[in-house]
Amino acid sequence: MTALTPPAAVPRRPSRRPVTGGAGRQHHGGPVTYLILIVVALASLFPLYFSVVAASTSQSRIAQSPPPLVPGANLLANLRAVWDYNGPGGHTLGLAMVNSVIVAAAVTVSTVLFSTFAGFAFAKLRFTGRNALMVFVVATIAVPPQLSVLPLFRIIAGLHWTDQLQSVILPSLVTAFGVFFMRQYLSSALPTELLEAARMDGANSWRTVWHVVFPVARPAMAVLGMLTFVQAWNDFLWPLIALTPSGNPTLQVALASIGGGYDINESVIMAGAVVTTVPLLIAFAVFGKQIVGGVMQGAVKG
C-alpha cells in the first residue's frame, strides 16, 4: 500500500480586527470644533486686546459710545505718564514694581518649598495626629482671608513692620491650599517603594527629599509656583493695609493711587494695567510648557 502523506498545513493569516473603543483611535475635530475653539480663544483674548486699545487712546476718545476698537497713537505717552507718576509718598512706579517683584518672588519660592515639605509629610510619613492636622489645614481654606486682616495688622504694628515688605512676605510663606495641593499630588505620584529603596541605599531624610521627592514633585511645583506668583503679584487688600500708598507700596497699590484723585485719566490707568500684566505674560511664556506638562501629568496620575 502506498503511504499517504497528510497535506501541509496552510499558515493562517492573522485576522485584522477593527479597533474599537478609545484605544488606538485618533479623533480629529471637524470644522465646527475648530470654529468653536477659535471663537473661545478670541473671546479670551479680547479683554487683553481692549486694555491695549484703551491704553493707547486719549481720555476723550475712550469715553465715546461705542468705545474704540482700534489702537490709537497715545500708548507711549500714556506709558510715560504712568512711569513718571509720583505717588503720595513720593514713590515712583519703578520702585513699586521692584517691591512687587521682591514680594512675589519671595512668596512663590517659600510657598512652593514649604508646601512640598508639608505635602510630603502628610502624604508619606506616619505620625500621631496626621489626619486630624490635615483636616484642620483643609478647614482653614474655607476661612475668608478678610477675617485675618485685623489680627495680622495688630501683630505687624506691634513689631513696627508697617510699610516694610516683610509685613507682606511673612504671612504668606505657606498656604493651606499649597499644602493640600502637594499632598494630593504626592500621594498618587510618589510610590512608597521608591522611598524604601532610597532608605535601603543609605539616603537620609534630606537626601531622599532632594533626590527623590523634588524630581517627582517638579510638575506640581511648577503649577503651584505659577498660581502663587499670580496671586502674590495681583494681591491688593493686604499690601494696601500693611504698606499704604504713601509708604512703600507694591505695584497694585501704586496703581490704585493713580486713579484715586479728582482728575482721573482712564487711559493712563489702563496703561498702568498693561504694565502690571506684562510680567505675568512673560512668566506664562517662559514656564508655560512646565505648567501644561504638570497639569497633564497630574491628570494622568489621577
C-alpha atoms as a PDB file:
ATOM      1  CA  MET A   1       0.000   0.000   0.000  1.00  0.00           C
ATOM      2  CA  THR A   2       1.142   3.427  -0.735  1.00  0.00           C
ATOM      3  CA  ALA A   3       1.626   5.660   2.331  1.00  0.00           C
ATOM      4  CA  LEU A   4      -0.450   8.786   2.200  1.00  0.00           C
ATOM      5  CA  THR A   5       1.231  11.904   3.486  1.00  0.00           C
ATOM      6  CA  PRO A   6      -1.022  14.486   5.087  1.00  0.00           C
ATOM      7  CA  PRO A   7      -1.269  17.753   3.255  1.00  0.00           C
ATOM      8  CA  ALA A   8       0.903  20.564   4.547  1.00  0.00           C
ATOM      9  CA  ALA A   9      -0.918  22.935   6.820  1.00  0.00           C
ATOM     10  CA  VAL A  10      -1.586  26.264   5.269  1.00  0.00           C
ATOM     11  CA  PRO A  11      -0.409  29.059   7.580  1.00  0.00           C
ATOM     12  CA  ARG A  12      -3.295  31.104   8.782  1.00  0.00           C
ATOM     13  CA  ARG A  13      -3.048  34.794   8.356  1.00  0.00           C
ATOM     14  CA  PRO A  14      -3.921  36.719  11.469  1.00  0.00           C
ATOM     15  CA  SER A  15      -7.251  38.342  11.098  1.00  0.00           C
ATOM     16  CA  ARG A  16      -7.330  42.063  11.413  1.00  0.00           C
ATOM     17  CA  ARG A  17      -9.855  43.121  13.915  1.00  0.00           C
ATOM     18  CA  PRO A  18     -11.248  46.589  13.694  1.00  0.00           C
ATOM     19  CA  VAL A  19     -10.075  48.781  16.502  1.00  0.00           C
ATOM     20  CA  THR A  20     -12.996  49.626  18.706  1.00  0.00           C
ATOM     21  CA  GLY A  21     -13.181  51.866  21.683  1.00  0.00           C
ATOM     22  CA  GLY A  22     -10.909  54.723  22.598  1.00  0.00           C
ATOM     23  CA  ALA A  23      -7.584  52.818  22.445  1.00  0.00           C
ATOM     24  CA  GLY A  24      -5.623  53.391  19.257  1.00  0.00           C
ATOM     25  CA  ARG A  25      -8.186  55.731  17.762  1.00  0.00           C
ATOM     26  CA  GLN A  26      -7.380  59.320  16.983  1.00  0.00           C
ATOM     27  CA  HIS A  27     -10.249  61.738  16.922  1.00  0.00           C
ATOM     28  CA  HIS A  28      -9.858  64.676  14.595  1.00  0.00           C
ATOM     29  CA  GLY A  29     -12.190  67.558  15.177  1.00  0.00           C
ATOM     30  CA  GLY A  30     -14.245  68.845  12.316  1.00  0.00           C
ATOM     31  CA  PRO A  31     -14.652  72.418  11.108  1.00  0.00           C
ATOM     32  CA  VAL A  32     -17.318  73.120  13.724  1.00  0.00           C
ATOM     33  CA  THR A  33     -14.934  72.126  16.546  1.00  0.00           C
ATOM     34  CA  TYR A  34     -12.154  74.359  15.242  1.00  0.00           C
ATOM     35  CA  LEU A  35     -14.603  77.214  14.759  1.00  0.00           C
ATOM     36  CA  ILE A  36     -15.765  76.927  18.371  1.00  0.00           C
ATOM     37  CA  LEU A  37     -12.165  76.849  19.620  1.00  0.00           C
ATOM     38  CA  ILE A  38     -11.302  79.940  17.574  1.00  0.00           C
ATOM     39  CA  VAL A  39     -14.298  81.817  18.962  1.00  0.00           C
ATOM     40  CA  VAL A  40     -13.402  80.848  22.534  1.00  0.00           C
ATOM     41  CA  ALA A  41      -9.762  81.887  22.014  1.00  0.00           C
ATOM     42  CA  LEU A  42     -10.772  85.272  20.566  1.00  0.00           C
ATOM     43  CA  ALA A  43     -13.227  85.859  23.417  1.00  0.00           C
ATOM     44  CA  SER A  44     -10.463  85.066  25.929  1.00  0.00           C
ATOM     45  CA  LEU A  45      -8.004  87.441  24.256  1.00  0.00           C
ATOM     46  CA  PHE A  46     -10.463  90.305  23.758  1.00  0.00           C
ATOM     47  CA  PRO A  47     -10.120  91.799  27.306  1.00  0.00           C
ATOM     48  CA  LEU A  48      -6.348  91.954  26.904  1.00  0.00           C
ATOM     49  CA  TYR A  49      -6.705  93.490  23.441  1.00  0.00           C
ATOM     50  CA  PHE A  50      -9.208  96.077  24.655  1.00  0.00           C
ATOM     51  CA  SER A  51      -6.938  97.057  27.541  1.00  0.00           C
ATOM     52  CA  VAL A  52      -4.198  97.794  24.989  1.00  0.00           C
ATOM     53  CA  VAL A  53      -6.681  99.766  22.880  1.00  0.00           C
ATOM     54  CA  ALA A  54      -7.811 101.787  25.899  1.00  0.00           C
ATOM     55  CA  ALA A  55      -4.195 102.399  26.939  1.00  0.00           C
ATOM     56  CA  SER A  56      -3.327 103.761  23.503  1.00  0.00           C
ATOM     57  CA  THR A  57      -6.188 106.252  23.184  1.00  0.00           C
ATOM     58  CA  SER A  58      -6.915 109.657  24.691  1.00  0.00           C
ATOM     59  CA  GLN A  59      -9.219 110.244  27.627  1.00  0.00           C
ATOM     60  CA  SER A  60     -11.847 111.916  25.446  1.00  0.00           C
ATOM     61  CA  ARG A  61     -11.878 109.090  22.912  1.00  0.00           C
ATOM     62  CA  ILE A  62     -12.178 106.307  25.478  1.00  0.00           C
ATOM     63  CA  ALA A  63     -15.318 107.952  26.859  1.00  0.00           C
ATOM     64  CA  GLN A  64     -17.087 107.763  23.492  1.00  0.00           C
ATOM     65  CA  SER A  65     -20.005 105.419  22.898  1.00  0.00           C
ATOM     66  CA  PRO A  66     -19.393 102.944  21.385  1.00  0.00           C
ATOM     67  CA  PRO A  67     -15.808 102.737  22.649  1.00  0.00           C
ATOM     68  CA  PRO A  68     -12.951 102.498  20.153  1.00  0.00           C
ATOM     69  CA  LEU A  69     -11.832  99.069  18.976  1.00  0.00           C
ATOM     70  CA  VAL A  70      -8.701 100.144  17.069  1.00  0.00           C
ATOM     71  CA  PRO A  71      -5.485 101.098  18.912  1.00  0.00           C
ATOM     72  CA  GLY A  72      -4.613 104.778  18.938  1.00  0.00           C
ATOM     73  CA  ALA A  73      -1.313 106.639  18.909  1.00  0.00           C
ATOM     74  CA  ASN A  74      -1.019 107.622  22.596  1.00  0.00           C
ATOM     75  CA  LEU A  75       0.346 104.377  24.041  1.00  0.00           C
ATOM     76  CA  LEU A  76       3.898 105.621  24.565  1.00  0.00           C
ATOM     77  CA  ALA A  77       2.677 108.927  26.034  1.00  0.00           C
ATOM     78  CA  ASN A  78       0.368 107.139  28.484  1.00  0.00           C
ATOM     79  CA  LEU A  79       3.090 104.692  29.469  1.00  0.00           C
ATOM     80  CA  ARG A  80       5.451 107.605  30.058  1.00  0.00           C
ATOM     81  CA  ALA A  81       2.824 109.300  32.233  1.00  0.00           C
ATOM     82  CA  VAL A  82       2.457 106.143  34.296  1.00  0.00           C
ATOM     83  CA  TRP A  83       6.195 105.699  34.659  1.00  0.00           C
ATOM     84  CA  ASP A  84       6.776 109.352  35.657  1.00  0.00           C
ATOM     85  CA  TYR A  85       3.955 109.356  38.204  1.00  0.00           C
ATOM     86  CA  ASN A  86       4.931 110.170  41.791  1.00  0.00           C
ATOM     87  CA  GLY A  87       2.696 108.748  44.495  1.00  0.00           C
ATOM     88  CA  PRO A  88       1.528 110.414  47.720  1.00  0.00           C
ATOM     89  CA  GLY A  89       4.786 109.495  49.443  1.00  0.00           C
ATOM     90  CA  GLY A  90       6.987 110.481  46.503  1.00  0.00           C
ATOM     91  CA  HIS A  91       7.429 106.892  45.315  1.00  0.00           C
ATOM     92  CA  THR A  92       7.739 106.065  41.629  1.00  0.00           C
ATOM     93  CA  LEU A  93       6.236 103.228  39.643  1.00  0.00           C
ATOM     94  CA  GLY A  94       9.695 101.721  39.221  1.00  0.00           C
ATOM     95  CA  LEU A  95      10.106 101.391  42.994  1.00  0.00           C
ATOM     96  CA  ALA A  96       6.639  99.859  43.276  1.00  0.00           C
ATOM     97  CA  MET A  97       7.467  97.337  40.552  1.00  0.00           C
ATOM     98  CA  VAL A  98      10.696  96.352  42.309  1.00  0.00           C
ATOM     99  CA  ASN A  99       8.721  95.847  45.522  1.00  0.00           C
ATOM    100  CA  SER A 100       6.206  93.655  43.695  1.00  0.00           C
ATOM    101  CA  VAL A 101       8.975  91.537  42.180  1.00  0.00           C
ATOM    102  CA  ILE A 102      10.611  91.042  45.579  1.00  0.00           C
ATOM    103  CA  VAL A 103       7.332  90.150  47.285  1.00  0.00           C
ATOM    104  CA  ALA A 104       6.079  87.846  44.529  1.00  0.00           C
ATOM    105  CA  ALA A 105       9.418  86.033  44.170  1.00  0.00           C
ATOM    106  CA  ALA A 106       9.889  85.534  47.917  1.00  0.00           C
ATOM    107  CA  VAL A 107       6.306  84.360  48.453  1.00  0.00           C
ATOM    108  CA  THR A 108       6.459  81.990  45.469  1.00  0.00           C
ATOM    109  CA  VAL A 109       9.730  80.326  46.458  1.00  0.00           C
ATOM    110  CA  SER A 110       8.797  79.941  50.116  1.00  0.00           C
ATOM    111  CA  THR A 111       5.282  78.669  49.376  1.00  0.00           C
ATOM    112  CA  VAL A 112       6.493  76.053  46.899  1.00  0.00           C
ATOM    113  CA  LEU A 113       9.263  74.783  49.190  1.00  0.00           C
ATOM    114  CA  PHE A 114       7.281  74.685  52.429  1.00  0.00           C
ATOM    115  CA  SER A 115       4.193  73.280  50.742  1.00  0.00           C
ATOM    116  CA  THR A 116       6.264  70.495  49.194  1.00  0.00           C
ATOM    117  CA  PHE A 117       7.833  69.627  52.555  1.00  0.00           C
ATOM    118  CA  ALA A 118       4.472  69.644  54.327  1.00  0.00           C
ATOM    119  CA  GLY A 119       2.715  67.827  51.498  1.00  0.00           C
ATOM    120  CA  PHE A 120       5.336  65.076  51.551  1.00  0.00           C
ATOM    121  CA  ALA A 121       4.987  64.717  55.307  1.00  0.00           C
ATOM    122  CA  PHE A 122       1.204  64.428  55.139  1.00  0.00           C
ATOM    123  CA  ALA A 123       1.323  62.066  52.165  1.00  0.00           C
ATOM    124  CA  LYS A 124       4.073  59.586  53.075  1.00  0.00           C
ATOM    125  CA  LEU A 125       5.128  59.975  56.707  1.00  0.00           C
ATOM    126  CA  ARG A 126       3.333  58.390  59.646  1.00  0.00           C
ATOM    127  CA  PHE A 127       2.960  60.461  62.811  1.00  0.00           C
ATOM    128  CA  THR A 128       0.389  60.958  65.531  1.00  0.00           C
ATOM    129  CA  GLY A 129      -2.487  63.254  64.640  1.00  0.00           C
ATOM    130  CA  ARG A 130      -1.647  63.355  60.939  1.00  0.00           C
ATOM    131  CA  ASN A 131      -5.243  63.037  59.705  1.00  0.00           C
ATOM    132  CA  ALA A 132      -6.656  65.460  62.286  1.00  0.00           C
ATOM    133  CA  LEU A 133      -4.000  68.045  61.443  1.00  0.00           C
ATOM    134  CA  MET A 134      -4.688  67.644  57.729  1.00  0.00           C
ATOM    135  CA  VAL A 135      -8.396  68.200  58.325  1.00  0.00           C
ATOM    136  CA  PHE A 136      -7.544  71.383  60.231  1.00  0.00           C
ATOM    137  CA  VAL A 137      -5.330  72.615  57.373  1.00  0.00           C
ATOM    138  CA  VAL A 138      -8.055  71.983  54.809  1.00  0.00           C
ATOM    139  CA  ALA A 139     -10.665  73.650  57.034  1.00  0.00           C
ATOM    140  CA  THR A 140      -8.644  76.881  57.088  1.00  0.00           C
ATOM    141  CA  ILE A 141      -9.150  77.190  53.324  1.00  0.00           C
ATOM    142  CA  ALA A 142     -12.828  77.949  53.984  1.00  0.00           C
ATOM    143  CA  VAL A 143     -11.961  80.884  56.282  1.00  0.00           C
ATOM    144  CA  PRO A 144     -12.253  84.230  54.425  1.00  0.00           C
ATOM    145  CA  PRO A 145      -8.880  85.995  54.370  1.00  0.00           C
ATOM    146  CA  GLN A 146     -10.548  89.249  55.413  1.00  0.00           C
ATOM    147  CA  LEU A 147     -11.020  87.809  58.906  1.00  0.00           C
ATOM    148  CA  SER A 148      -7.267  87.702  59.470  1.00  0.00           C
ATOM    149  CA  VAL A 149      -6.636  91.325  58.494  1.00  0.00           C
ATOM    150  CA  LEU A 150      -7.136  92.852  61.953  1.00  0.00           C
ATOM    151  CA  PRO A 151      -5.090  90.249  63.918  1.00  0.00           C
ATOM    152  CA  LEU A 152      -2.271  90.424  61.382  1.00  0.00           C
ATOM    153  CA  PHE A 153      -2.197  94.214  61.448  1.00  0.00           C
ATOM    154  CA  ARG A 154      -2.020  94.235  65.245  1.00  0.00           C
ATOM    155  CA  ILE A 155       0.935  91.840  65.072  1.00  0.00           C
ATOM    156  CA  ILE A 156       2.915  93.806  62.456  1.00  0.00           C
ATOM    157  CA  ALA A 157       2.122  97.078  64.230  1.00  0.00           C
ATOM    158  CA  GLY A 158       3.474  95.633  67.461  1.00  0.00           C
ATOM    159  CA  LEU A 159       6.644  94.561  65.602  1.00  0.00           C
ATOM    160  CA  HIS A 160       6.925  98.006  63.921  1.00  0.00           C
ATOM    161  CA  TRP A 161       6.791  96.401  60.465  1.00  0.00           C
ATOM    162  CA  THR A 162       4.285  98.731  58.844  1.00  0.00           C
ATOM    163  CA  ASP A 163       5.388  99.991  55.416  1.00  0.00           C
ATOM    164  CA  GLN A 164       8.032  97.238  55.274  1.00  0.00           C
ATOM    165  CA  LEU A 165       7.998  94.377  52.786  1.00  0.00           C
ATOM    166  CA  GLN A 166       8.375  91.628  55.404  1.00  0.00           C
ATOM    167  CA  SER A 167       4.890  92.501  56.641  1.00  0.00           C
ATOM    168  CA  VAL A 168       3.554  91.200  53.302  1.00  0.00           C
ATOM    169  CA  ILE A 169       6.015  88.343  52.772  1.00  0.00           C
ATOM    170  CA  LEU A 170       5.982  86.570  56.142  1.00  0.00           C
ATOM    171  CA  PRO A 171       2.201  85.974  56.422  1.00  0.00           C
ATOM    172  CA  SER A 172       2.307  84.264  53.002  1.00  0.00           C
ATOM    173  CA  LEU A 173       5.290  81.949  53.473  1.00  0.00           C
ATOM    174  CA  VAL A 174       2.999  78.908  53.153  1.00  0.00           C
ATOM    175  CA  THR A 175      -0.658  78.431  52.264  1.00  0.00           C
ATOM    176  CA  ALA A 176      -3.181  75.774  53.188  1.00  0.00           C
ATOM    177  CA  PHE A 177      -4.071  75.312  49.532  1.00  0.00           C
ATOM    178  CA  GLY A 178      -0.419  74.698  48.641  1.00  0.00           C
ATOM    179  CA  VAL A 179      -0.056  72.045  51.342  1.00  0.00           C
ATOM    180  CA  PHE A 180      -3.270  70.322  50.255  1.00  0.00           C
ATOM    181  CA  PHE A 181      -2.315  70.522  46.572  1.00  0.00           C
ATOM    182  CA  MET A 182       1.128  68.973  47.077  1.00  0.00           C
ATOM    183  CA  ARG A 183      -0.223  66.339  49.460  1.00  0.00           C
ATOM    184  CA  GLN A 184      -2.788  65.182  46.911  1.00  0.00           C
ATOM    185  CA  TYR A 185      -0.202  65.050  44.130  1.00  0.00           C
ATOM    186  CA  LEU A 186       2.492  63.226  46.083  1.00  0.00           C
ATOM    187  CA  SER A 187       0.004  60.679  47.446  1.00  0.00           C
ATOM    188  CA  SER A 188      -0.525  59.304  43.935  1.00  0.00           C
ATOM    189  CA  ALA A 189       2.659  60.272  42.090  1.00  0.00           C
ATOM    190  CA  LEU A 190       5.289  59.172  44.627  1.00  0.00           C
ATOM    191  CA  PRO A 191       5.495  55.376  45.101  1.00  0.00           C
ATOM    192  CA  THR A 192       6.272  54.195  48.611  1.00  0.00           C
ATOM    193  CA  GLU A 193       8.623  51.580  47.136  1.00  0.00           C
ATOM    194  CA  LEU A 194      10.802  54.384  45.752  1.00  0.00           C
ATOM    195  CA  LEU A 195      11.227  55.869  49.229  1.00  0.00           C
ATOM    196  CA  GLU A 196      12.017  52.464  50.709  1.00  0.00           C
ATOM    197  CA  ALA A 197      14.639  51.855  48.029  1.00  0.00           C
ATOM    198  CA  ALA A 198      16.273  55.184  48.834  1.00  0.00           C
ATOM    199  CA  ARG A 199      16.393  54.330  52.532  1.00  0.00           C
ATOM    200  CA  MET A 200      17.904  50.921  51.771  1.00  0.00           C
ATOM    201  CA  ASP A 201      20.624  52.697  49.785  1.00  0.00           C
ATOM    202  CA  GLY A 202      21.504  54.687  52.908  1.00  0.00           C
ATOM    203  CA  ALA A 203      19.879  58.017  51.985  1.00  0.00           C
ATOM    204  CA  ASN A 204      18.856  60.154  54.931  1.00  0.00           C
ATOM    205  CA  SER A 205      15.707  62.272  55.003  1.00  0.00           C
ATOM    206  CA  TRP A 206      17.250  65.319  53.339  1.00  0.00           C
ATOM    207  CA  ARG A 207      18.829  63.299  50.530  1.00  0.00           C
ATOM    208  CA  THR A 208      15.557  61.476  49.994  1.00  0.00           C
ATOM    209  CA  VAL A 209      13.667  64.738  49.681  1.00  0.00           C
ATOM    210  CA  TRP A 210      16.273  66.307  47.400  1.00  0.00           C
ATOM    211  CA  HIS A 211      16.942  63.352  45.080  1.00  0.00           C
ATOM    212  CA  VAL A 212      13.570  61.569  45.135  1.00  0.00           C
ATOM    213  CA  VAL A 213      10.720  63.830  46.241  1.00  0.00           C
ATOM    214  CA  PHE A 214      11.705  67.008  44.390  1.00  0.00           C
ATOM    215  CA  PRO A 215      12.174  65.334  40.957  1.00  0.00           C
ATOM    216  CA  VAL A 216       8.825  63.584  41.257  1.00  0.00           C
ATOM    217  CA  ALA A 217       7.059  66.714  42.514  1.00  0.00           C
ATOM    218  CA  ARG A 218       8.583  69.067  39.914  1.00  0.00           C
ATOM    219  CA  PRO A 219       5.473  69.283  37.661  1.00  0.00           C
ATOM    220  CA  ALA A 220       3.185  70.063  40.603  1.00  0.00           C
ATOM    221  CA  MET A 221       5.730  72.533  41.977  1.00  0.00           C
ATOM    222  CA  ALA A 222       5.694  74.388  38.642  1.00  0.00           C
ATOM    223  CA  VAL A 223       1.904  74.646  38.667  1.00  0.00           C
ATOM    224  CA  LEU A 224       1.784  75.747  42.306  1.00  0.00           C
ATOM    225  CA  GLY A 225       4.577  78.245  41.722  1.00  0.00           C
ATOM    226  CA  MET A 226       2.744  79.887  38.827  1.00  0.00           C
ATOM    227  CA  LEU A 227      -0.540  80.072  40.736  1.00  0.00           C
ATOM    228  CA  THR A 228       1.225  81.536  43.770  1.00  0.00           C
ATOM    229  CA  PHE A 229       3.140  84.083  41.699  1.00  0.00           C
ATOM    230  CA  VAL A 230      -0.049  85.331  40.034  1.00  0.00           C
ATOM    231  CA  GLN A 231      -1.829  85.593  43.384  1.00  0.00           C
ATOM    232  CA  ALA A 232       1.082  87.406  45.057  1.00  0.00           C
ATOM    233  CA  TRP A 233       1.559  89.749  42.098  1.00  0.00           C
ATOM    234  CA  ASN A 234      -2.126  90.734  41.974  1.00  0.00           C
ATOM    235  CA  ASP A 235      -2.665  90.903  45.745  1.00  0.00           C
ATOM    236  CA  PHE A 236      -4.133  94.260  46.717  1.00  0.00           C
ATOM    237  CA  LEU A 237      -6.028  94.252  50.025  1.00  0.00           C
ATOM    238  CA  TRP A 238      -3.297  93.235  52.461  1.00  0.00           C
ATOM    239  CA  PRO A 239      -0.481  95.279  50.799  1.00  0.00           C
ATOM    240  CA  LEU A 240      -2.816  98.284  50.834  1.00  0.00           C
ATOM    241  CA  ILE A 241      -3.244  97.921  54.602  1.00  0.00           C
ATOM    242  CA  ALA A 242       0.294  96.894  55.523  1.00  0.00           C
ATOM    243  CA  LEU A 243       2.256  99.138  53.146  1.00  0.00           C
ATOM    244  CA  THR A 244      -0.134 102.060  52.383  1.00  0.00           C
ATOM    245  CA  PRO A 245       0.120 104.159  49.179  1.00  0.00           C
ATOM    246  CA  SER A 246       2.202 106.842  50.917  1.00  0.00           C
ATOM    247  CA  GLY A 247       4.691 104.372  52.369  1.00  0.00           C
ATOM    248  CA  ASN A 248       6.438 101.596  50.457  1.00  0.00           C
ATOM    249  CA  PRO A 249       3.721 100.246  48.125  1.00  0.00           C
ATOM    250  CA  THR A 250       3.628  97.375  45.688  1.00  0.00           C
ATOM    251  CA  LEU A 251       2.618  97.885  42.073  1.00  0.00           C
ATOM    252  CA  GLN A 252      -1.098  97.242  42.586  1.00  0.00           C
ATOM    253  CA  VAL A 253      -1.270  99.712  45.472  1.00  0.00           C
ATOM    254  CA  ALA A 254       0.640 102.343  43.483  1.00  0.00           C
ATOM    255  CA  LEU A 255      -1.731 101.982  40.536  1.00  0.00           C
ATOM    256  CA  ALA A 256      -4.697 102.457  42.849  1.00  0.00           C
ATOM    257  CA  SER A 257      -3.280 105.836  43.863  1.00  0.00           C
ATOM    258  CA  ILE A 258      -3.147 106.888  40.185  1.00  0.00           C
ATOM    259  CA  GLY A 259      -6.914 106.608  39.889  1.00  0.00           C
ATOM    260  CA  GLY A 260      -7.662 107.838  43.378  1.00  0.00           C
ATOM    261  CA  GLY A 261      -7.580 111.577  42.768  1.00  0.00           C
ATOM    262  CA  TYR A 262     -10.115 114.020  41.378  1.00  0.00           C
ATOM    263  CA  ASP A 263      -8.649 114.141  37.869  1.00  0.00           C
ATOM    264  CA  ILE A 264      -8.998 110.539  36.692  1.00  0.00           C
ATOM    265  CA  ASN A 265      -7.495 109.638  33.322  1.00  0.00           C
ATOM    266  CA  GLU A 266      -8.806 106.226  32.309  1.00  0.00           C
ATOM    267  CA  SER A 267      -6.273 105.861  29.500  1.00  0.00           C
ATOM    268  CA  VAL A 268      -3.359 106.296  31.907  1.00  0.00           C
ATOM    269  CA  ILE A 269      -4.945 103.837  34.347  1.00  0.00           C
ATOM    270  CA  MET A 270      -5.328 101.259  31.569  1.00  0.00           C
ATOM    271  CA  ALA A 271      -1.707 101.851  30.570  1.00  0.00           C
ATOM    272  CA  GLY A 272      -0.744 101.048  34.156  1.00  0.00           C
ATOM    273  CA  ALA A 273      -2.865  97.886  33.977  1.00  0.00           C
ATOM    274  CA  VAL A 274      -0.968  96.848  30.849  1.00  0.00           C
ATOM    275  CA  VAL A 275       2.306  97.383  32.705  1.00  0.00           C
ATOM    276  CA  THR A 276       1.175  95.080  35.515  1.00  0.00           C
ATOM    277  CA  THR A 277       0.103  92.408  33.018  1.00  0.00           C
ATOM    278  CA  VAL A 278       3.376  92.209  31.091  1.00  0.00           C
ATOM    279  CA  PRO A 279       5.379  90.334  33.800  1.00  0.00           C
ATOM    280  CA  LEU A 280       2.606  87.735  34.067  1.00  0.00           C
ATOM    281  CA  LEU A 281       2.621  87.205  30.302  1.00  0.00           C
ATOM    282  CA  ILE A 282       6.394  86.798  30.364  1.00  0.00           C
ATOM    283  CA  ALA A 283       6.126  84.260  33.181  1.00  0.00           C
ATOM    284  CA  PHE A 284       3.499  82.272  31.298  1.00  0.00           C
ATOM    285  CA  ALA A 285       5.601  82.350  28.131  1.00  0.00           C
ATOM    286  CA  VAL A 286       8.721  81.121  29.943  1.00  0.00           C
ATOM    287  CA  PHE A 287       7.125  78.500  32.186  1.00  0.00           C
ATOM    288  CA  GLY A 288       4.075  77.621  30.105  1.00  0.00           C
ATOM    289  CA  LYS A 289       5.498  74.293  28.938  1.00  0.00           C
ATOM    290  CA  GLN A 290       6.240  73.159  32.505  1.00  0.00           C
ATOM    291  CA  ILE A 291       2.801  74.262  33.686  1.00  0.00           C
ATOM    292  CA  VAL A 292       0.938  72.418  30.929  1.00  0.00           C
ATOM    293  CA  GLY A 293       3.133  69.379  31.465  1.00  0.00           C
ATOM    294  CA  GLY A 294       2.401  69.420  35.177  1.00  0.00           C
ATOM    295  CA  VAL A 295      -1.336  69.710  34.625  1.00  0.00           C
ATOM    296  CA  MET A 296      -1.360  66.887  32.065  1.00  0.00           C
ATOM    297  CA  GLN A 297       0.818  64.626  34.210  1.00  0.00           C
ATOM    298  CA  GLY A 298      -1.387  65.286  37.209  1.00  0.00           C
ATOM    299  CA  ALA A 299      -4.448  64.394  35.126  1.00  0.00           C
ATOM    300  CA  VAL A 300      -2.850  61.115  34.009  1.00  0.00           C
ATOM    301  CA  LYS A 301      -1.802  60.282  37.567  1.00  0.00           C
ATOM    302  CA  GLY A 302      -5.302  60.980  38.781  1.00  0.00           C
END
